[in-house]
C-alpha atoms as a PDB file:
ATOM      1  CA  UNK A   1     153.781 109.330 116.674  1.00  0.00           C
ATOM      2  CA  UNK A   2     151.303 107.594 114.301  1.00  0.00           C
ATOM      3  CA  UNK A   3     150.215 109.261 111.198  1.00  0.00           C
ATOM      4  CA  UNK A   4     146.723 108.329 109.990  1.00  0.00           C
ATOM      5  CA  UNK A   5     146.077 108.514 106.312  1.00  0.00           C
ATOM      6  CA  UNK A   6     142.551 108.747 104.933  1.00  0.00           C
ATOM      7  CA  UNK A   7     141.792 106.520 101.989  1.00  0.00           C
ATOM      8  CA  UNK A   8     139.388 107.723  99.401  1.00  0.00           C
ATOM      9  CA  UNK A   9     136.447 105.462  98.816  1.00  0.00           C
ATOM     10  CA  UNK A  10     136.167 104.347  95.259  1.00  0.00           C
ATOM     11  CA  UNK A  11     132.677 104.918  93.857  1.00  0.00           C
ATOM     12  CA  UNK A  12     131.199 102.141  91.728  1.00  0.00           C
ATOM     13  CA  UNK A  13     129.894 103.079  88.337  1.00  0.00           C
ATOM     14  CA  UNK A  14     126.072 103.568  88.091  1.00  0.00           C
ATOM     15  CA  UNK A  15     125.277 100.410  86.141  1.00  0.00           C
ATOM     16  CA  UNK A  16     127.052  98.237  88.677  1.00  0.00           C
ATOM     17  CA  UNK A  17     124.955  99.685  91.483  1.00  0.00           C
ATOM     18  CA  UNK A  18     121.947  98.093  89.696  1.00  0.00           C
ATOM     19  CA  UNK A  19     123.562  94.711  89.401  1.00  0.00           C
ATOM     20  CA  UNK A  20     124.724  95.356  85.888  1.00  0.00           C
ATOM     21  CA  UNK A  21     121.142  95.709  84.558  1.00  0.00           C
ATOM     22  CA  UNK A  22     119.452  98.644  82.999  1.00  0.00           C
ATOM     23  CA  UNK A  23     115.694  99.516  82.940  1.00  0.00           C
ATOM     24  CA  UNK A  24     113.146  98.698  80.161  1.00  0.00           C
ATOM     25  CA  UNK A  25     112.383 101.309  77.625  1.00  0.00           C
ATOM     26  CA  UNK A  26     108.813 102.338  76.835  1.00  0.00           C
ATOM     27  CA  UNK A  27     108.970 100.611  73.443  1.00  0.00           C
ATOM     28  CA  UNK A  28     110.044  97.318  75.012  1.00  0.00           C
ATOM     29  CA  UNK A  29     107.185  97.570  77.519  1.00  0.00           C
ATOM     30  CA  UNK A  30     104.654  98.149  74.724  1.00  0.00           C
ATOM     31  CA  UNK A  31     105.978  95.232  72.656  1.00  0.00           C
ATOM     32  CA  UNK A  32     105.820  92.828  75.614  1.00  0.00           C
ATOM     33  CA  UNK A  33     102.271  93.979  76.431  1.00  0.00           C
ATOM     34  CA  UNK A  34     101.152  93.382  72.853  1.00  0.00           C
ATOM     35  CA  UNK A  35     102.697  89.899  72.850  1.00  0.00           C
ATOM     36  CA  UNK A  36     100.936  89.114  76.141  1.00  0.00           C
ATOM     37  CA  UNK A  37      97.585  90.276  74.738  1.00  0.00           C
ATOM     38  CA  UNK A  38      98.055  88.107  71.645  1.00  0.00           C
ATOM     39  CA  UNK A  39      98.762  85.053  73.796  1.00  0.00           C
ATOM     40  CA  UNK A  40      95.720  85.727  76.015  1.00  0.00           C
ATOM     41  CA  UNK A  41      93.455  86.328  72.982  1.00  0.00           C
ATOM     42  CA  UNK A  42      94.644  83.106  71.349  1.00  0.00           C
ATOM     43  CA  UNK A  43      93.966  81.125  74.504  1.00  0.00           C
ATOM     44  CA  UNK A  44      90.516  82.705  74.852  1.00  0.00           C
ATOM     45  CA  UNK A  45      89.679  81.967  71.187  1.00  0.00           C
ATOM     46  CA  UNK A  46      90.758  78.346  71.699  1.00  0.00           C
ATOM     47  CA  UNK A  47      88.489  78.109  74.750  1.00  0.00           C
ATOM     48  CA  UNK A  48      85.536  79.585  72.849  1.00  0.00           C
ATOM     49  CA  UNK A  49      86.065  77.182  69.948  1.00  0.00           C
ATOM     50  CA  UNK A  50      86.168  74.173  72.279  1.00  0.00           C
ATOM     51  CA  UNK A  51      83.141  75.453  74.219  1.00  0.00           C
ATOM     52  CA  UNK A  52      81.124  75.871  71.014  1.00  0.00           C
ATOM     53  CA  UNK A  53      82.140  72.369  70.001  1.00  0.00           C
ATOM     54  CA  UNK A  54      80.942  70.956  73.322  1.00  0.00           C
ATOM     55  CA  UNK A  55      77.609  72.781  72.997  1.00  0.00           C
ATOM     56  CA  UNK A  56      77.087  71.531  69.434  1.00  0.00           C
ATOM     57  CA  UNK A  57      77.913  67.959  70.436  1.00  0.00           C
ATOM     58  CA  UNK A  58      75.359  68.180  73.264  1.00  0.00           C
ATOM     59  CA  UNK A  59      72.728  69.435  70.825  1.00  0.00           C
ATOM     60  CA  UNK A  60      73.593  66.704  68.313  1.00  0.00           C
ATOM     61  CA  UNK A  61      73.178  64.151  71.097  1.00  0.00           C
ATOM     62  CA  UNK A  62      69.787  65.680  72.030  1.00  0.00           C
ATOM     63  CA  UNK A  63      68.679  65.542  68.379  1.00  0.00           C
ATOM     64  CA  UNK A  64      69.660  61.881  68.115  1.00  0.00           C
ATOM     65  CA  UNK A  65      67.786  60.987  71.309  1.00  0.00           C
ATOM     66  CA  UNK A  66      64.659  62.870  70.145  1.00  0.00           C
ATOM     67  CA  UNK A  67      64.779  61.106  66.774  1.00  0.00           C
ATOM     68  CA  UNK A  68      65.223  57.637  68.298  1.00  0.00           C
ATOM     69  CA  UNK A  69      62.373  58.216  70.773  1.00  0.00           C
ATOM     70  CA  UNK A  70      60.129  59.437  67.943  1.00  0.00           C
ATOM     71  CA  UNK A  71      60.929  56.412  65.773  1.00  0.00           C
ATOM     72  CA  UNK A  72      60.161  54.040  68.663  1.00  0.00           C
ATOM     73  CA  UNK A  73      56.864  55.776  69.422  1.00  0.00           C
ATOM     74  CA  UNK A  74      55.740  55.840  65.783  1.00  0.00           C
ATOM     75  CA  UNK A  75      56.732  52.209  65.239  1.00  0.00           C
ATOM     76  CA  UNK A  76      54.753  51.068  68.296  1.00  0.00           C
ATOM     77  CA  UNK A  77      51.542  52.729  67.105  1.00  0.00           C
ATOM     78  CA  UNK A  78      51.931  51.665  63.464  1.00  0.00           C
ATOM     79  CA  UNK A  79      52.339  48.004  64.507  1.00  0.00           C
ATOM     80  CA  UNK A  80      48.950  48.235  66.229  1.00  0.00           C
ATOM     81  CA  UNK A  81      47.150  49.593  63.137  1.00  0.00           C
ATOM     82  CA  UNK A  82      43.896  47.724  62.518  1.00  0.00           C
ATOM     83  CA  UNK A  83      44.026  45.687  65.722  1.00  0.00           C
ATOM     84  CA  UNK A  84      40.526  44.462  66.629  1.00  0.00           C
ATOM     85  CA  UNK A  85      38.774  46.585  63.989  1.00  0.00           C
ATOM     86  CA  UNK A  86      36.105  45.511  61.522  1.00  0.00           C
ATOM     87  CA  UNK A  87      37.278  45.673  57.925  1.00  0.00           C
ATOM     88  CA  UNK A  88      34.974  48.615  57.315  1.00  0.00           C
ATOM     89  CA  UNK A  89      37.249  50.902  59.396  1.00  0.00           C
ATOM     90  CA  UNK A  90      40.390  52.098  57.615  1.00  0.00           C
ATOM     91  CA  UNK A  91      43.391  51.432  59.902  1.00  0.00           C
ATOM     92  CA  UNK A  92      45.642  54.067  58.307  1.00  0.00           C
ATOM     93  CA  UNK A  93      44.785  57.551  57.017  1.00  0.00           C
ATOM     94  CA  UNK A  94      47.734  59.220  55.288  1.00  0.00           C
ATOM     95  CA  UNK A  95      48.250  62.706  53.830  1.00  0.00           C
ATOM     96  CA  UNK A  96      51.239  63.440  51.592  1.00  0.00           C
ATOM     97  CA  UNK A  97      51.817  66.963  52.931  1.00  0.00           C
ATOM     98  CA  UNK A  98      55.653  67.221  53.034  1.00  0.00           C
ATOM     99  CA  UNK A  99      56.121  66.737  55.938  1.00  0.00           C
ATOM    100  CA  UNK A 100      53.545  63.983  55.948  1.00  0.00           C
ATOM    101  CA  UNK A 101      50.648  63.342  58.302  1.00  0.00           C
ATOM    102  CA  UNK A 102      49.484  59.905  59.410  1.00  0.00           C
ATOM    103  CA  UNK A 103      46.529  58.726  61.505  1.00  0.00           C
ATOM    104  CA  UNK A 104      46.696  55.243  63.012  1.00  0.00           C
ATOM    105  CA  UNK A 105      43.467  53.584  64.220  1.00  0.00           C
ATOM    106  CA  UNK A 106      43.131  50.447  66.334  1.00  0.00           C
ATOM    107  CA  UNK A 107      41.261  48.951  69.233  1.00  0.00           C
ATOM    108  CA  UNK A 108      43.052  49.099  72.605  1.00  0.00           C
ATOM    109  CA  UNK A 109      44.489  45.771  73.788  1.00  0.00           C
ATOM    110  CA  UNK A 110      41.877  43.584  75.501  1.00  0.00           C
ATOM    111  CA  UNK A 111      39.231  43.730  72.756  1.00  0.00           C
ATOM    112  CA  UNK A 112      36.903  46.204  74.431  1.00  0.00           C
ATOM    113  CA  UNK A 113      33.680  45.552  72.547  1.00  0.00           C
ATOM    114  CA  UNK A 114      30.084  44.546  73.173  1.00  0.00           C
ATOM    115  CA  UNK A 115      26.922  43.984  71.076  1.00  0.00           C
ATOM    116  CA  UNK A 116      23.726  45.936  71.588  1.00  0.00           C
ATOM    117  CA  UNK A 117      20.796  43.690  72.556  1.00  0.00           C
ATOM    118  CA  UNK A 118      17.942  45.996  71.531  1.00  0.00           C
ATOM    119  CA  UNK A 119      17.114  47.917  68.375  1.00  0.00           C
ATOM    120  CA  UNK A 120      17.647  51.660  68.732  1.00  0.00           C
ATOM    121  CA  UNK A 121      14.245  53.440  68.654  1.00  0.00           C
ATOM    122  CA  UNK A 122      15.893  56.688  67.516  1.00  0.00           C
ATOM    123  CA  UNK A 123      19.451  57.823  66.584  1.00  0.00           C
ATOM    124  CA  UNK A 124      19.950  59.636  69.897  1.00  0.00           C
ATOM    125  CA  UNK A 125      18.895  56.634  72.036  1.00  0.00           C
ATOM    126  CA  UNK A 126      21.294  54.956  74.434  1.00  0.00           C
ATOM    127  CA  UNK A 127      23.055  51.768  73.413  1.00  0.00           C
ATOM    128  CA  UNK A 128      21.735  48.858  75.479  1.00  0.00           C
ATOM    129  CA  UNK A 129      24.305  46.089  75.855  1.00  0.00           C
ATOM    130  CA  UNK A 130      22.256  44.140  78.433  1.00  0.00           C
ATOM    131  CA  UNK A 131      24.075  41.201  79.989  1.00  0.00           C
ATOM    132  CA  UNK A 132      27.540  42.193  78.798  1.00  0.00           C
ATOM    133  CA  UNK A 133      30.515  43.581  80.723  1.00  0.00           C
ATOM    134  CA  UNK A 134      31.112  47.129  79.493  1.00  0.00           C
ATOM    135  CA  UNK A 135      33.474  48.220  82.290  1.00  0.00           C
ATOM    136  CA  UNK A 136      36.312  48.577  79.763  1.00  0.00           C
ATOM    137  CA  UNK A 137      34.492  51.440  78.004  1.00  0.00           C
ATOM    138  CA  UNK A 138      35.576  54.896  79.172  1.00  0.00           C
ATOM    139  CA  UNK A 139      33.689  58.158  79.276  1.00  0.00           C
ATOM    140  CA  UNK A 140      34.759  61.044  77.028  1.00  0.00           C
ATOM    141  CA  UNK A 141      36.496  58.595  74.690  1.00  0.00           C
ATOM    142  CA  UNK A 142      35.734  57.715  71.105  1.00  0.00           C
ATOM    143  CA  UNK A 143      33.943  54.514  70.132  1.00  0.00           C
ATOM    144  CA  UNK A 144      32.660  52.968  66.923  1.00  0.00           C
ATOM    145  CA  UNK A 145      29.344  51.257  66.283  1.00  0.00           C
ATOM    146  CA  UNK A 146      29.197  48.762  63.439  1.00  0.00           C
ATOM    147  CA  UNK A 147      26.222  47.060  61.795  1.00  0.00           C
ATOM    148  CA  UNK A 148      27.593  43.843  60.197  1.00  0.00           C
ATOM    149  CA  UNK A 149      24.364  43.249  58.258  1.00  0.00           C
ATOM    150  CA  UNK A 150      24.486  46.592  56.453  1.00  0.00           C
ATOM    151  CA  UNK A 151      28.313  46.702  56.618  1.00  0.00           C
ATOM    152  CA  UNK A 152      28.241  50.289  57.854  1.00  0.00           C
ATOM    153  CA  UNK A 153      29.162  52.168  61.006  1.00  0.00           C
ATOM    154  CA  UNK A 154      30.335  55.478  62.480  1.00  0.00           C
ATOM    155  CA  UNK A 155      32.332  57.081  65.287  1.00  0.00           C
ATOM    156  CA  UNK A 156      30.807  58.688  68.372  1.00  0.00           C
ATOM    157  CA  UNK A 157      31.874  60.021  71.775  1.00  0.00           C
ATOM    158  CA  UNK A 158      30.905  58.113  74.927  1.00  0.00           C
ATOM    159  CA  UNK A 159      29.422  60.550  77.439  1.00  0.00           C
ATOM    160  CA  UNK A 160      28.434  58.054  80.166  1.00  0.00           C
ATOM    161  CA  UNK A 161      29.002  54.379  80.921  1.00  0.00           C
ATOM    162  CA  UNK A 162      26.327  52.768  83.113  1.00  0.00           C
ATOM    163  CA  UNK A 163      28.194  49.578  83.954  1.00  0.00           C
ATOM    164  CA  UNK A 164      25.481  48.096  86.205  1.00  0.00           C
ATOM    165  CA  UNK A 165      22.769  48.481  83.551  1.00  0.00           C
ATOM    166  CA  UNK A 166      25.197  47.890  80.651  1.00  0.00           C
ATOM    167  CA  UNK A 167      24.063  51.037  78.874  1.00  0.00           C
ATOM    168  CA  UNK A 168      26.264  53.449  76.906  1.00  0.00           C
ATOM    169  CA  UNK A 169      25.223  57.073  76.478  1.00  0.00           C
ATOM    170  CA  UNK A 170      26.284  59.346  73.595  1.00  0.00           C
ATOM    171  CA  UNK A 171      24.492  62.597  74.390  1.00  0.00           C
ATOM    172  CA  UNK A 172      26.835  64.840  72.380  1.00  0.00           C
ATOM    173  CA  UNK A 173      26.756  62.681  69.247  1.00  0.00           C
ATOM    174  CA  UNK A 174      23.503  61.886  67.475  1.00  0.00           C
ATOM    175  CA  UNK A 175      24.077  58.874  65.245  1.00  0.00           C
ATOM    176  CA  UNK A 176      23.148  59.020  61.579  1.00  0.00           C
ATOM    177  CA  UNK A 177      20.744  56.076  61.822  1.00  0.00           C
ATOM    178  CA  UNK A 178      19.078  53.641  64.227  1.00  0.00           C
ATOM    179  CA  UNK A 179      21.300  50.608  64.644  1.00  0.00           C
ATOM    180  CA  UNK A 180      19.649  47.186  65.054  1.00  0.00           C
ATOM    181  CA  UNK A 181      20.186  44.492  67.657  1.00  0.00           C
ATOM    182  CA  UNK A 182      23.476  42.684  67.081  1.00  0.00           C
ATOM    183  CA  UNK A 183      25.432  45.786  66.088  1.00  0.00           C
ATOM    184  CA  UNK A 184      28.878  45.851  67.717  1.00  0.00           C
ATOM    185  CA  UNK A 185      30.258  48.723  69.791  1.00  0.00           C
ATOM    186  CA  UNK A 186      34.076  49.059  69.846  1.00  0.00           C
ATOM    187  CA  UNK A 187      36.386  51.226  71.910  1.00  0.00           C
ATOM    188  CA  UNK A 188      38.662  53.018  69.445  1.00  0.00           C
ATOM    189  CA  UNK A 189      42.065  54.627  69.741  1.00  0.00           C
ATOM    190  CA  UNK A 190      43.142  56.905  66.917  1.00  0.00           C
ATOM    191  CA  UNK A 191      46.369  58.920  66.863  1.00  0.00           C
ATOM    192  CA  UNK A 192      47.422  61.529  64.342  1.00  0.00           C
ATOM    193  CA  UNK A 193      51.109  62.345  63.889  1.00  0.00           C
ATOM    194  CA  UNK A 194      52.317  65.520  62.205  1.00  0.00           C
ATOM    195  CA  UNK A 195      54.955  68.262  62.472  1.00  0.00           C
ATOM    196  CA  UNK A 196      53.930  71.669  63.779  1.00  0.00           C
ATOM    197  CA  UNK A 197      55.872  74.275  61.770  1.00  0.00           C
ATOM    198  CA  UNK A 198      54.180  77.373  63.182  1.00  0.00           C
ATOM    199  CA  UNK A 199      57.555  78.291  64.716  1.00  0.00           C
ATOM    200  CA  UNK A 200      59.942  77.781  61.803  1.00  0.00           C
ATOM    201  CA  UNK A 201      62.957  77.861  64.114  1.00  0.00           C
ATOM    202  CA  UNK A 202      61.643  75.056  66.309  1.00  0.00           C
ATOM    203  CA  UNK A 203      59.531  72.446  64.442  1.00  0.00           C
ATOM    204  CA  UNK A 204      57.801  70.000  66.781  1.00  0.00           C
ATOM    205  CA  UNK A 205      56.520  66.455  66.289  1.00  0.00           C
ATOM    206  CA  UNK A 206      52.921  66.458  67.538  1.00  0.00           C
ATOM    207  CA  UNK A 207      50.674  63.600  68.659  1.00  0.00           C
ATOM    208  CA  UNK A 208      46.915  64.153  68.571  1.00  0.00           C
ATOM    209  CA  UNK A 209      44.705  61.505  70.143  1.00  0.00           C
ATOM    210  CA  UNK A 210      41.151  61.473  68.839  1.00  0.00           C
ATOM    211  CA  UNK A 211      39.048  63.732  71.031  1.00  0.00           C
ATOM    212  CA  UNK A 212      42.051  65.270  72.816  1.00  0.00           C
ATOM    213  CA  UNK A 213      44.147  68.377  72.107  1.00  0.00           C
ATOM    214  CA  UNK A 214      47.388  67.774  70.216  1.00  0.00           C
ATOM    215  CA  UNK A 215      50.462  67.429  72.449  1.00  0.00           C
ATOM    216  CA  UNK A 216      54.150  67.960  71.584  1.00  0.00           C
ATOM    217  CA  UNK A 217      56.253  64.813  71.610  1.00  0.00           C
ATOM    218  CA  UNK A 218      59.713  65.869  70.401  1.00  0.00           C
ATOM    219  CA  UNK A 219      61.226  69.227  69.489  1.00  0.00           C
ATOM    220  CA  UNK A 220      63.350  70.024  66.431  1.00  0.00           C
ATOM    221  CA  UNK A 221      61.922  67.216  64.309  1.00  0.00           C
ATOM    222  CA  UNK A 222      62.248  68.831  60.906  1.00  0.00           C
ATOM    223  CA  UNK A 223      60.850  66.280  58.478  1.00  0.00           C
ATOM    224  CA  UNK A 224      58.598  63.225  58.557  1.00  0.00           C
ATOM    225  CA  UNK A 225      57.875  60.999  55.568  1.00  0.00           C
ATOM    226  CA  UNK A 226      55.754  57.848  55.255  1.00  0.00           C
ATOM    227  CA  UNK A 227      55.681  55.354  52.394  1.00  0.00           C
ATOM    228  CA  UNK A 228      53.512  52.259  52.205  1.00  0.00           C
ATOM    229  CA  UNK A 229      54.454  48.881  50.775  1.00  0.00           C
ATOM    230  CA  UNK A 230      51.314  47.204  49.445  1.00  0.00           C
ATOM    231  CA  UNK A 231      50.382  43.539  49.106  1.00  0.00           C
ATOM    232  CA  UNK A 232      51.315  43.564  45.394  1.00  0.00           C
ATOM    233  CA  UNK A 233      54.765  45.029  46.155  1.00  0.00           C
ATOM    234  CA  UNK A 234      54.031  48.605  45.072  1.00  0.00           C
ATOM    235  CA  UNK A 235      55.334  51.447  47.260  1.00  0.00           C
ATOM    236  CA  UNK A 236      52.902  54.374  47.551  1.00  0.00           C
ATOM    237  CA  UNK A 237      52.987  57.747  49.266  1.00  0.00           C
ATOM    238  CA  UNK A 238      49.277  57.395  50.087  1.00  0.00           C
ATOM    239  CA  UNK A 239      47.699  53.909  50.224  1.00  0.00           C
ATOM    240  CA  UNK A 240      44.593  53.617  48.077  1.00  0.00           C
ATOM    241  CA  UNK A 241      43.522  50.501  50.020  1.00  0.00           C
ATOM    242  CA  UNK A 242      44.798  50.800  53.621  1.00  0.00           C
ATOM    243  CA  UNK A 243      43.747  47.242  54.413  1.00  0.00           C
ATOM    244  CA  UNK A 244      46.329  45.974  51.888  1.00  0.00           C
ATOM    245  CA  UNK A 245      49.310  47.773  53.477  1.00  0.00           C
ATOM    246  CA  UNK A 246      51.970  45.301  54.534  1.00  0.00           C
ATOM    247  CA  UNK A 247      54.818  47.565  55.591  1.00  0.00           C
ATOM    248  CA  UNK A 248      55.259  51.237  56.473  1.00  0.00           C
ATOM    249  CA  UNK A 249      58.568  52.979  55.715  1.00  0.00           C
ATOM    250  CA  UNK A 250      59.297  55.876  58.077  1.00  0.00           C
ATOM    251  CA  UNK A 251      61.928  58.561  57.381  1.00  0.00           C
ATOM    252  CA  UNK A 252      62.560  61.205  60.027  1.00  0.00           C
ATOM    253  CA  UNK A 253      64.996  64.136  60.220  1.00  0.00           C
ATOM    254  CA  UNK A 254      66.008  65.826  63.472  1.00  0.00           C
ATOM    255  CA  UNK A 255      68.204  68.905  63.803  1.00  0.00           C
ATOM    256  CA  UNK A 256      70.066  70.826  66.470  1.00  0.00           C
ATOM    257  CA  UNK A 257      68.277  73.504  68.426  1.00  0.00           C
ATOM    258  CA  UNK A 258      70.675  76.274  67.365  1.00  0.00           C
ATOM    259  CA  UNK A 259      72.610  77.098  64.251  1.00  0.00           C
ATOM    260  CA  UNK A 260      76.219  76.048  63.897  1.00  0.00           C
ATOM    261  CA  UNK A 261      77.783  78.952  61.961  1.00  0.00           C
ATOM    262  CA  UNK A 262      80.849  76.867  61.138  1.00  0.00           C
ATOM    263  CA  UNK A 263      78.711  74.159  59.553  1.00  0.00           C
ATOM    264  CA  UNK A 264      77.721  74.280  55.902  1.00  0.00           C
ATOM    265  CA  UNK A 265      73.924  74.089  56.329  1.00  0.00           C
ATOM    266  CA  UNK A 266      73.838  76.110  59.569  1.00  0.00           C
ATOM    267  CA  UNK A 267      72.082  73.282  61.453  1.00  0.00           C
ATOM    268  CA  UNK A 268      73.462  69.848  62.263  1.00  0.00           C
ATOM    269  CA  UNK A 269      70.983  67.213  61.110  1.00  0.00           C
ATOM    270  CA  UNK A 270      70.509  63.519  61.787  1.00  0.00           C
ATOM    271  CA  UNK A 271      68.341  61.282  59.579  1.00  0.00           C
ATOM    272  CA  UNK A 272      66.734  58.050  60.742  1.00  0.00           C
ATOM    273  CA  UNK A 273      64.773  55.444  58.791  1.00  0.00           C
ATOM    274  CA  UNK A 274      62.910  52.288  59.775  1.00  0.00           C
ATOM    275  CA  UNK A 275      60.588  49.659  58.307  1.00  0.00           C
ATOM    276  CA  UNK A 276      57.510  48.719  60.328  1.00  0.00           C
ATOM    277  CA  UNK A 277      55.647  45.503  59.615  1.00  0.00           C
ATOM    278  CA  UNK A 278      51.880  45.974  59.889  1.00  0.00           C
ATOM    279  CA  UNK A 279      50.882  42.702  61.539  1.00  0.00           C
ATOM    280  CA  UNK A 280      47.184  43.213  62.315  1.00  0.00           C
ATOM    281  CA  UNK A 281      45.926  43.600  58.762  1.00  0.00           C
ATOM    282  CA  UNK A 282      44.574  40.564  56.916  1.00  0.00           C
ATOM    283  CA  UNK A 283      46.875  38.639  54.582  1.00  0.00           C
END
C-alpha cells in the first residue's frame, strides 16, 4: 500500500517575482522627465542657433552680390562719361548729399548725331537734317542741340523722327532760341544714381534715366560716396570743373536685409571701393 505525501509549494518572495527589480518612484520619474526636457531644449537651441547662422550667411552673401553688381554697373556708366559730347556739356553732375548723388552724361555708342541744314525760323520749328541718316535717333528720348559758333546748346525731348525726310520734331519742348544751319543734334544718355531712403529699413540704390521714372537696382545699399581726382591731383567731393576729372573713387556699403541681434551693430555690413578711370574726357 503506497502512501502519497503532499509537498508544500514554496512561495517565492515578492521581489523575485518581478525579476529582482522594483518600480520607479514618482520623484525618480519627475527627475528623469526634467533631464529629458533639458536635453531636448538644448538640442532645439543648438538647431535654432545654427539655423540663424545659415540665414545670416545667406543674407551676407546676398549683400555681397548686390554690392558687386552695383559697383560693376556704376563703373560701366562712369567710364562712358563725356563720350561723344561737345565740351559745353558737363559729363558729370555730382551732389555731396551723404549718401551722394551722381549724374553721368554721354552719347550712346555709335555717335548718333547729325547737323541741321536749315536755319530754324522759330524756336518751336522742326530740326531739318536733310540728307543725313537720322535712323539712330529715338522718339521720347532726350537729345542735345549745340551751336558751335555761339558755343551754346540745350536739351530737348524728341517727339517724332521722320527718317525719310530727315526731320526731328520736338513738340513738347520749345527751344530757347532759333539755332542756325550747322548746329549739331546729339542723342544723349544721362543716368542719375542715388539711394532712396524713404524706407529706412530697406534703402535702395536707384537708377534714373533722363526722361524715365527712377527704377530700383539693388536693395539694402546703405551708403554711396563719390570722390573725384582732378587733373592737378586734387581729390574733391564735388568737381568744380567736370571736364578735368581724371578718376572717380566709389565707396559703397551694403547690409543684410534683417538685423542680427547677436551682432554688435545689429546689421552685417560689407564695404566695397573701386577706382574708375574716366577715359573719354580730354587730357
